[in-house]
Amino acid sequence: MQMGSIVRHKKDIKLNRQKLQEILDSQKMEYIELHQKVCTRYGLDLQYKGFMSLMSNKSSWKLLYAHAISDVLNVKYTDIFEIVETNKN
């Protein structure tokens, strides 16, 4: 639903920080290392502050859309979404 210029959805998607922390602990990894590895592997231009904003569920709407589409179609998101190269350097 849209109210003014703010979009209000009936659902949201949240990162389970406790589960993420358990996974990080099991891999002996800190958030800073996760940030570095994610940015390096995927070529992301993402400052640590922006990364931590994502980890705080502040920018989850695109992930919600990907999950919703995949869920309705009953497929894994990797079946319909792919990582592609951009023209950005």
N, C-alpha and C. Protein backbone atom coordinates (compact mmCIF):
# COMPACT_ATOMS: atom_id res chain seq x y z
N MET A 1 0.84 -1.17 0.00
CA MET A 1 0.00 0.00 0.00
C MET A 1 0.88 1.23 0.00
N GLN A 2 0.41 2.27 -0.64
CA GLN A 2 1.19 3.49 -0.69
C GLN A 2 0.45 4.60 0.03
N MET A 3 1.16 5.26 0.93
CA MET A 3 0.60 6.38 1.68
C MET A 3 1.51 7.56 1.42
N GLY A 4 1.04 8.53 0.63
CA GLY A 4 1.91 9.64 0.28
C GLY A 4 3.03 9.12 -0.58
N SER A 5 4.26 9.41 -0.20
CA SER A 5 5.40 8.91 -0.96
C SER A 5 6.08 7.75 -0.25
N ILE A 6 5.50 7.26 0.83
CA ILE A 6 6.06 6.14 1.58
C ILE A 6 5.30 4.87 1.24
N VAL A 7 6.04 3.84 0.83
CA VAL A 7 5.42 2.55 0.50
C VAL A 7 5.32 1.73 1.78
N ARG A 8 4.13 1.22 2.05
CA ARG A 8 3.89 0.38 3.22
C ARG A 8 3.44 -1.00 2.76
N HIS A 9 4.30 -1.98 2.95
CA HIS A 9 3.95 -3.35 2.59
C HIS A 9 3.35 -4.04 3.81
N LYS A 10 2.61 -5.09 3.58
CA LYS A 10 2.03 -5.87 4.68
C LYS A 10 3.05 -6.85 5.25
N LYS A 11 4.12 -7.09 4.54
CA LYS A 11 5.16 -8.02 5.00
C LYS A 11 6.51 -7.34 4.83
N ASP A 12 7.47 -7.86 5.56
CA ASP A 12 8.85 -7.40 5.43
C ASP A 12 9.73 -8.63 5.59
N ILE A 13 10.97 -8.50 5.26
CA ILE A 13 11.91 -9.59 5.45
C ILE A 13 13.01 -9.09 6.37
N LYS A 14 13.37 -9.89 7.32
CA LYS A 14 14.34 -9.48 8.34
C LYS A 14 15.49 -10.47 8.38
N LEU A 15 16.66 -9.94 8.57
CA LEU A 15 17.83 -10.77 8.79
C LEU A 15 17.80 -11.26 10.23
N ASN A 16 17.94 -12.55 10.41
CA ASN A 16 18.00 -13.11 11.76
C ASN A 16 19.45 -12.96 12.22
N ARG A 17 19.73 -11.89 12.95
CA ARG A 17 21.09 -11.57 13.36
C ARG A 17 21.67 -12.62 14.29
N GLN A 18 20.83 -13.25 15.10
CA GLN A 18 21.33 -14.29 16.00
C GLN A 18 21.85 -15.48 15.21
N LYS A 19 21.08 -15.92 14.21
CA LYS A 19 21.53 -17.03 13.38
C LYS A 19 22.78 -16.66 12.58
N LEU A 20 22.79 -15.43 12.06
CA LEU A 20 23.97 -14.97 11.33
C LEU A 20 25.19 -14.98 12.25
N GLN A 21 25.02 -14.49 13.47
CA GLN A 21 26.14 -14.46 14.42
C GLN A 21 26.63 -15.87 14.73
N GLU A 22 25.71 -16.82 14.87
CA GLU A 22 26.10 -18.21 15.12
C GLU A 22 26.92 -18.76 13.95
N ILE A 23 26.50 -18.43 12.73
CA ILE A 23 27.23 -18.87 11.54
C ILE A 23 28.60 -18.22 11.49
N LEU A 24 28.64 -16.91 11.75
CA LEU A 24 29.93 -16.21 11.77
C LEU A 24 30.86 -16.81 12.82
N ASP A 25 30.32 -17.08 14.00
CA ASP A 25 31.12 -17.68 15.07
C ASP A 25 31.65 -19.05 14.66
N SER A 26 30.80 -19.85 14.03
CA SER A 26 31.22 -21.20 13.63
C SER A 26 32.32 -21.14 12.56
N GLN A 27 32.33 -20.05 11.79
CA GLN A 27 33.35 -19.88 10.75
C GLN A 27 34.49 -18.98 11.22
N LYS A 28 34.44 -18.61 12.51
CA LYS A 28 35.46 -17.74 13.10
C LYS A 28 35.67 -16.48 12.27
N MET A 29 34.55 -15.82 11.96
CA MET A 29 34.57 -14.63 11.11
C MET A 29 33.86 -13.48 11.81
N GLU A 30 34.35 -12.29 11.62
CA GLU A 30 33.72 -11.07 12.15
C GLU A 30 33.00 -10.36 11.01
N TYR A 31 32.15 -9.40 11.35
CA TYR A 31 31.42 -8.65 10.33
C TYR A 31 32.34 -7.95 9.35
N ILE A 32 33.45 -7.40 9.83
CA ILE A 32 34.37 -6.68 8.95
C ILE A 32 34.94 -7.61 7.88
N GLU A 33 35.25 -8.85 8.27
CA GLU A 33 35.76 -9.82 7.30
C GLU A 33 34.67 -10.24 6.33
N LEU A 34 33.44 -10.42 6.83
CA LEU A 34 32.31 -10.75 5.95
C LEU A 34 32.12 -9.65 4.93
N HIS A 35 32.15 -8.40 5.38
CA HIS A 35 32.02 -7.25 4.48
C HIS A 35 33.09 -7.29 3.40
N GLN A 36 34.33 -7.48 3.80
CA GLN A 36 35.44 -7.50 2.83
C GLN A 36 35.27 -8.63 1.82
N LYS A 37 34.91 -9.81 2.29
CA LYS A 37 34.76 -10.96 1.39
C LYS A 37 33.60 -10.77 0.43
N VAL A 38 32.47 -10.26 0.93
CA VAL A 38 31.30 -10.04 0.07
C VAL A 38 31.63 -9.00 -1.01
N CYS A 39 32.25 -7.90 -0.60
CA CYS A 39 32.58 -6.84 -1.56
C CYS A 39 33.60 -7.31 -2.59
N THR A 40 34.58 -8.08 -2.15
CA THR A 40 35.60 -8.58 -3.07
C THR A 40 35.02 -9.59 -4.04
N ARG A 41 34.26 -10.55 -3.52
CA ARG A 41 33.72 -11.60 -4.38
C ARG A 41 32.74 -11.08 -5.42
N TYR A 42 31.92 -10.09 -5.02
CA TYR A 42 30.87 -9.59 -5.92
C TYR A 42 31.16 -8.21 -6.49
N GLY A 43 32.33 -7.65 -6.20
CA GLY A 43 32.70 -6.36 -6.75
C GLY A 43 31.79 -5.24 -6.30
N LEU A 44 31.30 -5.33 -5.07
CA LEU A 44 30.37 -4.33 -4.57
C LEU A 44 31.10 -3.07 -4.12
N ASP A 45 30.53 -1.93 -4.44
CA ASP A 45 31.04 -0.64 -3.97
C ASP A 45 30.19 -0.26 -2.77
N LEU A 46 30.51 -0.86 -1.63
CA LEU A 46 29.69 -0.73 -0.44
C LEU A 46 30.58 -0.47 0.76
N GLN A 47 30.43 0.71 1.33
CA GLN A 47 31.20 1.06 2.52
C GLN A 47 30.72 0.19 3.69
N TYR A 48 31.58 0.05 4.68
CA TYR A 48 31.24 -0.78 5.84
C TYR A 48 29.98 -0.27 6.54
N LYS A 49 29.83 1.06 6.62
CA LYS A 49 28.64 1.64 7.26
C LYS A 49 27.36 1.22 6.52
N GLY A 50 27.39 1.24 5.19
CA GLY A 50 26.25 0.81 4.39
C GLY A 50 25.97 -0.67 4.55
N PHE A 51 27.05 -1.45 4.64
CA PHE A 51 26.92 -2.89 4.86
C PHE A 51 26.23 -3.16 6.19
N MET A 52 26.66 -2.46 7.23
CA MET A 52 26.06 -2.66 8.55
C MET A 52 24.61 -2.18 8.56
N SER A 53 24.27 -1.20 7.75
CA SER A 53 22.88 -0.78 7.61
C SER A 53 22.05 -1.93 7.06
N LEU A 54 22.60 -2.65 6.07
CA LEU A 54 21.91 -3.83 5.54
C LEU A 54 21.76 -4.90 6.62
N MET A 55 22.78 -5.05 7.44
CA MET A 55 22.75 -6.04 8.51
C MET A 55 21.76 -5.64 9.60
N SER A 56 21.35 -4.38 9.61
CA SER A 56 20.38 -3.89 10.60
C SER A 56 18.97 -3.83 10.03
N ASN A 57 18.75 -4.48 8.89
CA ASN A 57 17.43 -4.56 8.25
C ASN A 57 16.89 -3.20 7.82
N LYS A 58 17.76 -2.27 7.48
CA LYS A 58 17.30 -0.94 7.08
C LYS A 58 17.02 -0.84 5.59
N SER A 59 17.49 -1.78 4.80
CA SER A 59 17.32 -1.73 3.35
C SER A 59 16.95 -3.10 2.82
N SER A 60 15.81 -3.61 3.22
CA SER A 60 15.48 -5.00 2.88
C SER A 60 14.44 -5.14 1.77
N TRP A 61 13.95 -4.04 1.20
CA TRP A 61 12.82 -4.15 0.27
C TRP A 61 13.14 -4.94 -0.99
N LYS A 62 14.33 -4.82 -1.56
CA LYS A 62 14.65 -5.59 -2.76
C LYS A 62 14.71 -7.08 -2.45
N LEU A 63 15.25 -7.41 -1.30
CA LEU A 63 15.29 -8.81 -0.89
C LEU A 63 13.89 -9.36 -0.69
N LEU A 64 13.00 -8.55 -0.15
CA LEU A 64 11.61 -8.97 0.03
C LEU A 64 10.97 -9.27 -1.32
N TYR A 65 11.20 -8.42 -2.30
CA TYR A 65 10.63 -8.67 -3.63
C TYR A 65 11.17 -9.96 -4.23
N ALA A 66 12.48 -10.18 -4.13
CA ALA A 66 13.08 -11.41 -4.67
C ALA A 66 12.51 -12.64 -3.98
N HIS A 67 12.39 -12.56 -2.66
CA HIS A 67 11.83 -13.68 -1.91
C HIS A 67 10.37 -13.92 -2.29
N ALA A 68 9.59 -12.87 -2.38
CA ALA A 68 8.16 -13.00 -2.68
C ALA A 68 7.94 -13.64 -4.05
N ILE A 69 8.68 -13.17 -5.05
CA ILE A 69 8.53 -13.73 -6.40
C ILE A 69 8.93 -15.20 -6.41
N SER A 70 10.05 -15.51 -5.79
CA SER A 70 10.52 -16.90 -5.74
C SER A 70 9.54 -17.80 -4.98
N ASP A 71 8.99 -17.28 -3.88
CA ASP A 71 8.05 -18.05 -3.07
C ASP A 71 6.77 -18.34 -3.84
N VAL A 72 6.22 -17.34 -4.50
CA VAL A 72 4.97 -17.52 -5.25
C VAL A 72 5.17 -18.53 -6.38
N LEU A 73 6.33 -18.49 -7.02
CA LEU A 73 6.62 -19.43 -8.11
C LEU A 73 7.12 -20.79 -7.61
N ASN A 74 7.38 -20.88 -6.30
CA ASN A 74 7.88 -22.10 -5.67
C ASN A 74 9.20 -22.56 -6.29
N VAL A 75 10.11 -21.60 -6.44
CA VAL A 75 11.45 -21.89 -6.95
C VAL A 75 12.48 -21.23 -6.03
N LYS A 76 13.74 -21.67 -6.13
CA LYS A 76 14.81 -21.00 -5.42
C LYS A 76 15.08 -19.68 -6.14
N TYR A 77 15.46 -18.66 -5.37
CA TYR A 77 15.70 -17.37 -6.02
C TYR A 77 16.80 -17.48 -7.07
N THR A 78 17.75 -18.39 -6.88
CA THR A 78 18.82 -18.54 -7.86
C THR A 78 18.33 -19.14 -9.18
N ASP A 79 17.10 -19.68 -9.19
CA ASP A 79 16.53 -20.19 -10.43
C ASP A 79 16.12 -19.06 -11.37
N ILE A 80 15.80 -17.89 -10.81
CA ILE A 80 15.29 -16.80 -11.65
C ILE A 80 16.11 -15.50 -11.56
N PHE A 81 16.93 -15.37 -10.52
CA PHE A 81 17.78 -14.20 -10.39
C PHE A 81 19.22 -14.63 -10.57
N GLU A 82 19.99 -13.82 -11.26
CA GLU A 82 21.39 -14.14 -11.46
C GLU A 82 22.25 -12.90 -11.27
N ILE A 83 23.48 -13.13 -10.91
CA ILE A 83 24.44 -12.05 -10.77
C ILE A 83 24.99 -11.76 -12.15
N VAL A 84 24.95 -10.51 -12.56
CA VAL A 84 25.46 -10.12 -13.88
C VAL A 84 26.47 -9.00 -13.72
N GLU A 85 27.36 -8.91 -14.68
CA GLU A 85 28.35 -7.83 -14.69
C GLU A 85 27.66 -6.52 -15.07
N THR A 86 28.14 -5.43 -14.51
CA THR A 86 27.63 -4.11 -14.87
C THR A 86 28.71 -3.36 -15.61
N ASN A 87 28.35 -2.22 -16.15
CA ASN A 87 29.33 -1.40 -16.88
C ASN A 87 30.10 -0.47 -15.95
N LYS A 88 29.79 -0.53 -14.66
CA LYS A 88 30.47 0.34 -13.70
C LYS A 88 31.87 -0.19 -13.42
N ASN A 89 32.80 0.72 -13.27
CA ASN A 89 34.20 0.32 -12.95
C ASN A 89 34.50 0.63 -11.52
